[in-house]
Amino acid sequence: MENLKRDELLLQAAEYFGRPEFGRLFDGLRERYGSLSRLGGKVCLKALTKEEADALEGFLQFKVSEGGGLSVSIRQIRRALENTRYGQLGLEDILPLVLEEEMVSNKEARLRKEKEMKEFLDSLSAQFRGTPAGSWIARSLFKGNSLNTLITKDYHSDYKWLTENMPLILCAVNQLPAFTGTHLRLPVFAASVTGNPHYFDDGKKSLKYLLYGIRHFTGGDGSEGNTAEARTELLYRGGILKDDLSNWVLCFGIRGYVSDKELHMGMEEYLKRGEPQILTLQNLSVLKSVTAAGRKVCVVENPSVFARLSERNRESCACICSGGQLRISVLVLLDMLVKNGITVYYSGDFDPEGLCIAQKLVSRYGSRLELWGYHEEIYHKAISSETISERRLNQLDGLTDERLVALGRLLKKYKRPGYQENVMEYYDI
């Protein structure tokens, strides 16, 4: 009978203190318990409404003003509770009922969450054990790993999304076309794995996870995937084609093979006719290897220089036009050439963007790339009357190759760019 009376009293107390006027006071009590693992210290409230002030004044039995603040100790709240009809109840008894939740300290909540996350990840590892994705997850779950950091963040902020989508992403990693030496367009790949052709569209969190998986199996530094072009390249390494028809490279004198001995007859016809050709990312995806006459390829930034090279040296020249940017198609073609032992000779404009492109190629290909025409005297002949802004000049601070650093100093000194079109005669080979 006594227990029944206590239970009834608890329900009445929960109903009374569950009124909106007491809402912020009990939220403050929750925060105190969470930070201290017990009820202690003070609860501070600001800008009290009239309803809050009236209710708190009636409960605490001291003056509380509308619009003002309140700083009340837990000891004062306990004493006020003792002076009510619920005085036989403890504050710890009432608090969980009013808040409709178990009282848990911040530390305990964190430990529980960590335990639950570990159990979730362990179940994923067990589900995909013996697969590439299972290996990826198992090797990534340690403190400091970028994937582990991302999973932890999403587990706490978007638990429902993570638990529903992580199995799909791991299935996608297991089915990367690169594992079978094939290529699929991104929407086709997404639909085949998830049923949704837009599942890995730009901006989707799922794409970010997929790129982590591809990077794990193909290597690379953590910066890849930070730009649209970098994401396209990373997907290509996973056997996934994105923008495969709009991403192209202009070239001349390049021979392609679709197998160890079988030539790409379309490319061969351009060679016979002595004409430049455009290769899309889709064209490149079917090639097993490429080669060039003379075991070297000239890569230039500007179409006009490319045209001069290809027109005047039809028999001996192999050249590529980068078009002022390192599209994935350009890099894929250069990767295949370098892999086949071809030396690449690169020449571009004498401006911050051109020197940065040259630096990227030097960093990527090392001794297989020769800088062509990067000399002080050629810069002075190529110099333009334009002025380079300080913002653009700041890009030169990222150069590391000594030859490019020296040219960067000249650009900072004269603040004027030099263009390949001004020294066309230099490119007769």
Protein backbone atom coordinates (compact mmCIF):
# COMPACT_ATOMS: atom_id res chain seq x y z
CA MET A 1 0.00 0.00 0.00
CA GLU A 2 2.88 2.31 0.89
CA ASN A 3 4.60 1.58 -2.43
CA LEU A 4 1.37 2.32 -4.27
CA LYS A 5 1.10 5.67 -2.52
CA ARG A 6 4.72 6.51 -3.39
CA ASP A 7 4.16 5.59 -7.05
CA GLU A 8 1.08 7.81 -7.19
CA LEU A 9 3.03 10.65 -5.62
CA LEU A 10 5.82 10.23 -8.18
CA LEU A 11 3.33 10.46 -11.03
CA GLN A 12 1.78 13.57 -9.52
CA ALA A 13 5.22 15.17 -9.05
CA ALA A 14 6.17 14.33 -12.65
CA GLU A 15 2.93 15.92 -13.87
CA TYR A 16 3.45 19.06 -11.75
CA PHE A 17 7.11 19.65 -12.60
CA GLY A 18 6.58 18.56 -16.20
CA ARG A 19 4.78 21.84 -16.90
CA PRO A 20 6.51 24.14 -19.46
CA GLU A 21 7.27 26.71 -16.74
CA PHE A 22 9.73 24.28 -15.13
CA GLY A 23 11.23 23.08 -18.41
CA ARG A 24 14.44 25.12 -18.33
CA LEU A 25 15.03 24.42 -14.66
CA PHE A 26 14.95 20.66 -15.24
CA ASP A 27 17.07 20.99 -18.38
CA GLY A 28 19.62 22.70 -16.16
CA LEU A 29 19.42 19.83 -13.69
CA ARG A 30 20.08 17.40 -16.54
CA GLU A 31 23.20 19.37 -17.52
CA ARG A 32 24.45 19.39 -13.93
CA TYR A 33 24.04 15.64 -13.63
CA GLY A 34 25.65 15.05 -16.99
CA SER A 35 28.78 17.03 -16.21
CA LEU A 36 29.20 15.97 -12.55
CA SER A 37 27.69 12.43 -12.56
CA ARG A 38 25.59 13.70 -9.65
CA LEU A 39 23.34 16.62 -8.80
CA GLY A 40 25.48 19.48 -7.50
CA GLY A 41 26.46 23.06 -8.11
CA LYS A 42 24.03 25.67 -9.43
CA VAL A 43 21.47 26.08 -12.20
CA CYS A 44 21.53 29.46 -13.93
CA LEU A 45 18.68 30.77 -16.08
CA LYS A 46 18.38 34.01 -18.04
CA ALA A 47 15.52 36.21 -19.28
CA LEU A 48 12.75 34.46 -17.40
CA THR A 49 9.22 34.69 -18.76
CA LYS A 50 6.35 35.76 -16.52
CA GLU A 51 5.08 32.17 -16.37
CA GLU A 52 8.52 30.85 -15.43
CA ALA A 53 9.05 33.55 -12.80
CA ASP A 54 5.66 32.92 -11.17
CA ALA A 55 6.11 29.13 -11.10
CA LEU A 56 9.68 29.25 -9.79
CA GLU A 57 8.82 31.84 -7.15
CA GLY A 58 5.98 29.66 -5.90
CA PHE A 59 8.24 26.60 -5.76
CA LEU A 60 11.43 28.18 -4.38
CA GLN A 61 9.63 30.55 -2.00
CA PHE A 62 11.75 33.59 -2.80
CA LYS A 63 11.38 36.53 -5.16
CA VAL A 64 11.92 35.73 -8.85
CA SER A 65 11.47 38.57 -11.36
CA GLU A 66 10.11 38.41 -14.88
CA GLY A 67 12.82 39.23 -17.46
CA GLY A 68 15.56 38.73 -14.92
CA GLY A 69 17.92 35.86 -14.26
CA LEU A 70 18.06 33.14 -11.66
CA SER A 71 20.99 31.39 -10.00
CA VAL A 72 19.85 28.67 -7.65
CA SER A 73 21.90 25.97 -5.97
CA ILE A 74 20.94 22.30 -5.98
CA ARG A 75 20.82 22.53 -2.19
CA GLN A 76 18.19 25.28 -2.41
CA ILE A 77 16.14 23.22 -4.87
CA ARG A 78 16.25 20.18 -2.56
CA ARG A 79 15.13 22.32 0.39
CA ALA A 80 12.29 23.79 -1.66
CA LEU A 81 11.19 20.29 -2.70
CA GLU A 82 11.12 19.17 0.95
CA ASN A 83 8.65 21.98 1.69
CA THR A 84 6.14 20.70 -0.88
CA ARG A 85 3.68 17.81 -0.75
CA TYR A 86 6.34 15.81 -2.62
CA GLY A 87 8.88 16.30 0.15
CA GLN A 88 9.32 12.58 0.85
CA LEU A 89 10.60 12.11 -2.71
CA GLY A 90 14.19 12.70 -3.74
CA LEU A 91 15.14 15.03 -6.58
CA GLU A 92 16.87 12.07 -8.26
CA ASP A 93 13.55 10.16 -8.16
CA ILE A 94 11.58 12.92 -9.87
CA LEU A 95 14.13 14.03 -12.46
CA PRO A 96 14.04 10.94 -14.77
CA LEU A 97 10.21 11.01 -14.81
CA VAL A 98 10.02 14.70 -15.65
CA LEU A 99 12.67 14.44 -18.37
CA GLU A 100 11.34 11.07 -19.54
CA GLU A 101 14.83 9.64 -19.80
CA GLU A 102 17.37 7.75 -17.75
CA MET A 103 19.85 9.93 -15.92
CA VAL A 104 23.27 9.27 -17.40
CA SER A 105 26.48 11.24 -16.95
CA ASN A 106 28.26 12.60 -20.00
CA LYS A 107 31.14 10.22 -19.39
CA GLU A 108 28.84 7.21 -19.10
CA ALA A 109 26.89 8.27 -22.21
CA ARG A 110 30.15 8.58 -24.15
CA LEU A 111 31.36 5.16 -23.02
CA ARG A 112 28.02 3.59 -23.94
CA LYS A 113 28.12 5.23 -27.38
CA GLU A 114 31.68 4.02 -27.95
CA LYS A 115 30.69 0.49 -26.94
CA GLU A 116 27.66 0.56 -29.24
CA MET A 117 29.75 1.89 -32.13
CA LYS A 118 32.38 -0.80 -31.59
CA GLU A 119 29.69 -3.48 -31.63
CA PHE A 120 28.27 -2.02 -34.86
CA LEU A 121 31.68 -1.93 -36.55
CA ASP A 122 32.57 -5.40 -35.28
CA SER A 123 29.33 -6.71 -36.82
CA LEU A 124 30.21 -5.04 -40.13
CA SER A 125 33.70 -6.54 -40.07
CA ALA A 126 32.23 -9.98 -39.36
CA GLN A 127 29.63 -9.60 -42.12
CA PHE A 128 32.28 -8.70 -44.71
CA ARG A 129 35.13 -10.84 -43.39
CA GLY A 130 37.21 -12.34 -46.17
CA THR A 131 36.29 -9.63 -48.69
CA PRO A 132 38.24 -6.55 -49.84
CA ALA A 133 35.78 -4.29 -48.01
CA GLY A 134 36.16 -6.33 -44.82
CA SER A 135 39.94 -5.94 -45.04
CA TRP A 136 39.55 -2.20 -45.62
CA ILE A 137 37.35 -1.72 -42.57
CA ALA A 138 39.48 -3.93 -40.33
CA ARG A 139 42.65 -2.00 -41.24
CA SER A 140 41.04 1.41 -40.81
CA LEU A 141 39.51 1.15 -37.36
CA PHE A 142 42.19 2.75 -35.25
CA LYS A 143 42.48 6.17 -33.64
CA GLY A 144 43.86 8.79 -36.00
CA ASN A 145 42.78 7.03 -39.18
CA SER A 146 40.76 9.41 -41.38
CA LEU A 147 38.06 6.85 -42.16
CA ASN A 148 37.70 5.97 -38.48
CA THR A 149 37.36 9.67 -37.69
CA LEU A 150 34.66 10.08 -40.36
CA ILE A 151 32.71 7.03 -39.16
CA THR A 152 32.89 8.22 -35.54
CA LYS A 153 31.61 11.66 -36.52
CA ASP A 154 28.71 10.27 -38.55
CA TYR A 155 27.85 7.65 -35.93
CA HIS A 156 27.26 10.42 -33.39
CA SER A 157 25.63 12.94 -35.75
CA ASP A 158 23.76 10.73 -38.26
CA TYR A 159 23.45 7.26 -36.76
CA LYS A 160 20.45 6.23 -38.85
CA TRP A 161 22.13 7.15 -42.15
CA LEU A 162 25.39 5.42 -41.25
CA THR A 163 23.86 2.14 -40.11
CA GLU A 164 21.58 1.95 -43.15
CA ASN A 165 24.16 2.92 -45.76
CA MET A 166 27.49 1.49 -44.59
CA PRO A 167 26.60 -2.08 -45.70
CA LEU A 168 25.68 -0.75 -49.17
CA ILE A 169 28.95 1.16 -49.43
CA LEU A 170 30.96 -1.92 -48.43
CA CYS A 171 29.13 -3.95 -51.08
CA ALA A 172 30.04 -1.27 -53.62
CA VAL A 173 33.71 -1.41 -52.62
CA ASN A 174 33.67 -5.19 -53.08
CA GLN A 175 32.32 -4.74 -56.59
CA LEU A 176 34.73 -2.07 -57.84
CA PRO A 177 35.24 -2.67 -61.58
CA ALA A 178 38.99 -2.18 -61.12
CA PHE A 179 39.16 -5.55 -59.37
CA THR A 180 38.21 -7.23 -62.67
CA GLY A 181 40.09 -4.83 -64.96
CA THR A 182 36.89 -3.33 -66.36
CA HIS A 183 35.20 0.09 -66.35
CA LEU A 184 31.60 1.14 -65.67
CA ARG A 185 29.94 4.52 -65.84
CA LEU A 186 29.18 5.91 -62.40
CA PRO A 187 25.33 5.81 -62.65
CA VAL A 188 25.44 2.25 -64.01
CA PHE A 189 27.76 1.15 -61.22
CA ALA A 190 25.61 2.85 -58.56
CA ALA A 191 22.41 1.28 -59.90
CA SER A 192 23.95 -2.19 -60.11
CA VAL A 193 24.98 -2.09 -56.44
CA THR A 194 22.27 -0.04 -54.76
CA GLY A 195 19.41 0.18 -57.27
CA ASN A 196 19.78 3.97 -57.30
CA PRO A 197 21.80 5.48 -60.20
CA HIS A 198 22.24 8.70 -58.22
CA TYR A 199 23.50 7.04 -55.04
CA PHE A 200 27.10 8.23 -55.59
CA ASP A 201 26.32 11.64 -57.12
CA ASP A 202 28.49 14.65 -56.24
CA GLY A 203 27.75 16.01 -52.80
CA LYS A 204 26.45 12.70 -51.47
CA LYS A 205 28.06 11.39 -48.30
CA SER A 206 28.08 7.93 -49.86
CA LEU A 207 30.48 9.16 -52.57
CA LYS A 208 32.91 10.38 -49.91
CA TYR A 209 33.00 6.91 -48.34
CA LEU A 210 33.41 5.22 -51.73
CA LEU A 211 36.40 7.44 -52.51
CA TYR A 212 37.98 6.44 -49.18
CA GLY A 213 37.61 2.82 -50.22
CA ILE A 214 39.10 3.36 -53.68
CA ARG A 215 42.02 5.28 -52.20
CA HIS A 216 42.72 2.41 -49.80
CA PHE A 217 43.13 -0.08 -52.66
CA THR A 218 44.81 2.18 -55.21
CA GLY A 219 47.10 4.21 -52.98
CA GLY A 220 47.44 7.97 -52.87
CA ASP A 221 47.82 10.81 -50.41
CA GLY A 222 44.88 11.95 -48.33
CA SER A 223 44.33 15.09 -50.44
CA GLU A 224 42.79 13.23 -53.37
CA GLY A 225 39.10 13.81 -53.85
CA ASN A 226 39.21 17.44 -52.72
CA THR A 227 38.40 18.76 -56.21
CA ALA A 228 36.02 17.62 -58.94
CA GLU A 229 38.94 16.65 -61.17
CA ALA A 230 40.64 14.72 -58.37
CA ARG A 231 37.42 12.84 -57.62
CA THR A 232 37.07 11.92 -61.29
CA GLU A 233 40.63 10.57 -61.32
CA LEU A 234 40.12 8.58 -58.14
CA LEU A 235 36.91 7.06 -59.48
CA TYR A 236 38.72 6.14 -62.69
CA ARG A 237 41.36 4.29 -60.68
CA GLY A 238 38.49 2.31 -59.17
CA GLY A 239 37.24 1.45 -62.66
CA ILE A 240 34.39 3.97 -62.56
CA LEU A 241 33.86 6.46 -65.39
CA LYS A 242 32.53 9.93 -64.59
CA ASP A 243 32.11 12.57 -67.32
CA ASP A 244 33.71 10.01 -69.62
CA LEU A 245 32.60 11.67 -72.87
CA SER A 246 33.16 15.30 -71.86
CA ASN A 247 36.61 14.58 -70.41
CA TRP A 248 39.01 14.40 -73.37
CA VAL A 249 42.60 14.91 -74.48
CA LEU A 250 43.93 16.20 -77.81
CA CYS A 251 46.93 14.21 -79.06
CA PHE A 252 49.01 13.36 -82.13
CA GLY A 253 51.28 10.45 -82.99
CA ILE A 254 49.99 8.13 -80.26
CA ARG A 255 49.46 4.41 -80.93
CA GLY A 256 47.07 2.42 -78.77
CA TYR A 257 46.68 -1.29 -78.01
CA VAL A 258 43.50 -2.96 -76.81
CA SER A 259 45.43 -6.13 -75.94
CA ASP A 260 49.08 -7.18 -75.89
CA LYS A 261 49.22 -7.35 -79.68
CA GLU A 262 45.96 -5.93 -81.02
CA LEU A 263 46.06 -2.32 -82.17
CA HIS A 264 43.23 0.14 -81.67
CA MET A 265 42.31 0.51 -85.33
CA GLY A 266 40.55 3.83 -84.89
CA MET A 267 43.68 5.43 -83.44
CA GLU A 268 45.77 3.69 -86.10
CA GLU A 269 43.77 5.34 -88.86
CA TYR A 270 44.54 8.79 -87.45
CA LEU A 271 48.23 7.85 -87.41
CA LYS A 272 48.11 6.79 -91.05
CA ARG A 273 46.40 10.03 -92.04
CA GLY A 274 48.82 12.14 -90.00
CA GLU A 275 45.97 13.87 -88.15
CA PRO A 276 45.46 14.87 -84.50
CA GLN A 277 42.73 13.05 -82.60
CA ILE A 278 40.63 13.50 -79.50
CA LEU A 279 40.53 10.64 -77.00
CA THR A 280 37.75 10.66 -74.41
CA LEU A 281 38.01 8.99 -71.04
CA GLN A 282 35.79 6.27 -72.47
CA ASN A 283 38.26 5.71 -75.36
CA LEU A 284 41.15 5.52 -72.91
CA SER A 285 39.35 3.02 -70.68
CA VAL A 286 39.49 0.32 -73.39
CA LEU A 287 43.25 0.69 -73.96
CA LYS A 288 45.66 -1.74 -72.40
CA SER A 289 48.72 0.30 -73.35
CA VAL A 290 49.93 3.17 -75.51
CA THR A 291 53.21 4.08 -77.14
CA ALA A 292 54.73 6.81 -79.28
CA ALA A 293 57.33 7.16 -82.03
CA GLY A 294 60.80 8.08 -80.84
CA ARG A 295 60.10 6.99 -77.21
CA LYS A 296 59.27 10.55 -76.19
CA VAL A 297 56.17 12.74 -76.15
CA CYS A 298 56.01 16.53 -76.14
CA VAL A 299 53.25 17.95 -73.94
CA VAL A 300 52.37 21.61 -74.42
CA GLU A 301 49.85 23.85 -72.75
CA ASN A 302 48.53 25.78 -75.75
CA PRO A 303 46.59 24.49 -78.80
CA SER A 304 48.46 26.81 -81.19
CA VAL A 305 51.83 25.34 -80.14
CA PHE A 306 50.37 21.83 -80.43
CA ALA A 307 49.16 22.61 -83.96
CA ARG A 308 52.61 23.88 -84.99
CA LEU A 309 54.30 20.77 -83.62
CA SER A 310 51.91 18.32 -85.27
CA GLU A 311 51.88 20.11 -88.65
CA ARG A 312 55.65 20.59 -89.01
CA ASN A 313 56.78 17.25 -87.61
CA ARG A 314 54.27 14.73 -88.91
CA GLU A 315 56.75 11.89 -89.23
CA SER A 316 58.68 12.17 -85.96
CA CYS A 317 56.49 14.01 -83.48
CA ALA A 318 54.18 12.66 -80.81
CA CYS A 319 52.51 15.38 -78.81
CA ILE A 320 49.70 16.12 -76.39
CA CYS A 321 47.84 19.37 -75.65
CA SER A 322 47.00 19.78 -71.97
CA GLY A 323 44.76 22.76 -72.71
CA GLY A 324 45.95 24.67 -69.66
CA GLN A 325 44.56 22.19 -67.16
CA LEU A 326 45.35 18.68 -66.04
CA ARG A 327 42.13 16.89 -66.89
CA ILE A 328 41.93 13.26 -65.84
CA SER A 329 42.06 12.22 -69.51
CA VAL A 330 45.43 13.97 -69.89
CA LEU A 331 46.81 12.27 -66.78
CA VAL A 332 45.48 8.83 -67.73
CA LEU A 333 47.18 9.05 -71.14
CA LEU A 334 50.44 10.28 -69.60
CA ASP A 335 50.31 7.54 -66.95
CA MET A 336 50.08 4.88 -69.65
CA LEU A 337 52.89 6.42 -71.68
CA VAL A 338 55.22 6.67 -68.69
CA LYS A 339 54.33 3.12 -67.66
CA ASN A 340 55.50 2.03 -71.12
CA GLY A 341 58.88 3.71 -70.66
CA ILE A 342 58.13 6.87 -72.64
CA THR A 343 59.83 10.10 -71.55
CA VAL A 344 57.53 13.11 -71.35
CA TYR A 345 58.77 16.61 -72.29
CA TYR A 346 56.53 19.31 -70.86
CA SER A 347 56.37 22.99 -71.78
CA GLY A 348 53.85 25.56 -70.64
CA ASP A 349 53.30 29.27 -70.11
CA PHE A 350 55.42 31.37 -67.78
CA ASP A 351 52.65 32.32 -65.39
CA PRO A 352 51.72 31.11 -61.88
CA GLU A 353 49.15 28.63 -63.17
CA GLY A 354 51.53 27.24 -65.83
CA LEU A 355 54.39 26.78 -63.37
CA CYS A 356 52.07 25.08 -60.87
CA ILE A 357 50.93 22.64 -63.57
CA ALA A 358 54.57 21.90 -64.37
CA GLN A 359 55.24 21.30 -60.65
CA LYS A 360 52.35 18.83 -60.41
CA LEU A 361 53.70 16.87 -63.37
CA VAL A 362 57.25 16.85 -61.96
CA SER A 363 55.89 15.58 -58.64
CA ARG A 364 53.82 12.91 -60.38
CA TYR A 365 56.37 11.55 -62.87
CA GLY A 366 59.76 12.38 -61.40
CA SER A 367 62.66 11.48 -63.67
CA ARG A 368 60.30 10.35 -66.44
CA LEU A 369 59.37 13.99 -67.06
CA GLU A 370 61.70 16.60 -68.57
CA LEU A 371 60.95 20.31 -68.32
CA TRP A 372 61.25 21.74 -71.83
CA GLY A 373 62.00 25.43 -72.44
CA TYR A 374 61.97 26.53 -68.82
CA HIS A 375 64.91 28.94 -69.15
CA GLU A 376 65.35 32.57 -68.17
CA GLU A 377 66.23 33.72 -71.69
CA ILE A 378 63.09 32.14 -73.14
CA TYR A 379 60.99 33.78 -70.44
CA HIS A 380 62.34 37.21 -71.42
CA LYS A 381 61.47 36.55 -75.08
CA ALA A 382 58.00 35.28 -74.17
CA ILE A 383 57.21 38.09 -71.70
CA SER A 384 53.89 39.93 -72.02
CA SER A 385 52.83 43.45 -71.12
CA GLU A 386 50.19 42.16 -68.71
CA THR A 387 50.54 42.44 -64.94
CA ILE A 388 50.18 39.46 -62.59
CA SER A 389 48.18 40.16 -59.43
CA GLU A 390 49.63 39.47 -55.98
CA ARG A 391 46.94 36.88 -55.39
CA ARG A 392 48.11 34.88 -58.41
CA LEU A 393 51.78 35.36 -57.52
CA ASN A 394 51.12 33.78 -54.11
CA GLN A 395 50.54 30.46 -55.92
CA LEU A 396 54.28 30.36 -56.65
CA ASP A 397 55.04 29.77 -52.97
CA GLY A 398 54.03 26.12 -53.46
CA LEU A 399 56.79 25.38 -56.01
CA THR A 400 59.54 22.97 -54.94
CA ASP A 401 61.47 22.12 -58.13
CA GLU A 402 64.58 24.33 -58.22
CA ARG A 403 64.17 25.25 -61.91
CA LEU A 404 60.58 26.31 -61.37
CA VAL A 405 61.42 28.13 -58.14
CA ALA A 406 64.01 30.19 -60.06
CA LEU A 407 61.44 31.12 -62.70
CA GLY A 408 58.94 31.90 -59.95
CA ARG A 409 61.40 34.46 -58.56
CA LEU A 410 61.55 36.12 -62.00
CA LEU A 411 57.76 36.30 -62.16
CA LYS A 412 57.64 37.89 -58.72
CA LYS A 413 60.34 40.36 -59.77
CA TYR A 414 58.80 41.48 -63.06
CA LYS A 415 55.13 40.64 -62.26
CA ARG A 416 54.58 39.86 -65.93
CA PRO A 417 53.70 36.51 -67.56
CA GLY A 418 55.32 34.93 -70.59
CA TYR A 419 53.31 33.03 -73.20
CA GLN A 420 54.30 30.18 -75.50
CA GLU A 421 52.71 31.92 -78.47
CA ASN A 422 55.37 34.65 -78.22
CA VAL A 423 58.20 32.16 -78.83
CA MET A 424 56.65 29.81 -81.37
CA GLU A 425 59.93 29.36 -83.23
CA TYR A 426 61.43 27.68 -80.17
CA TYR A 427 59.05 24.74 -80.56
CA ASP A 428 60.32 23.58 -83.96
CA ILE A 429 61.82 20.15 -83.32
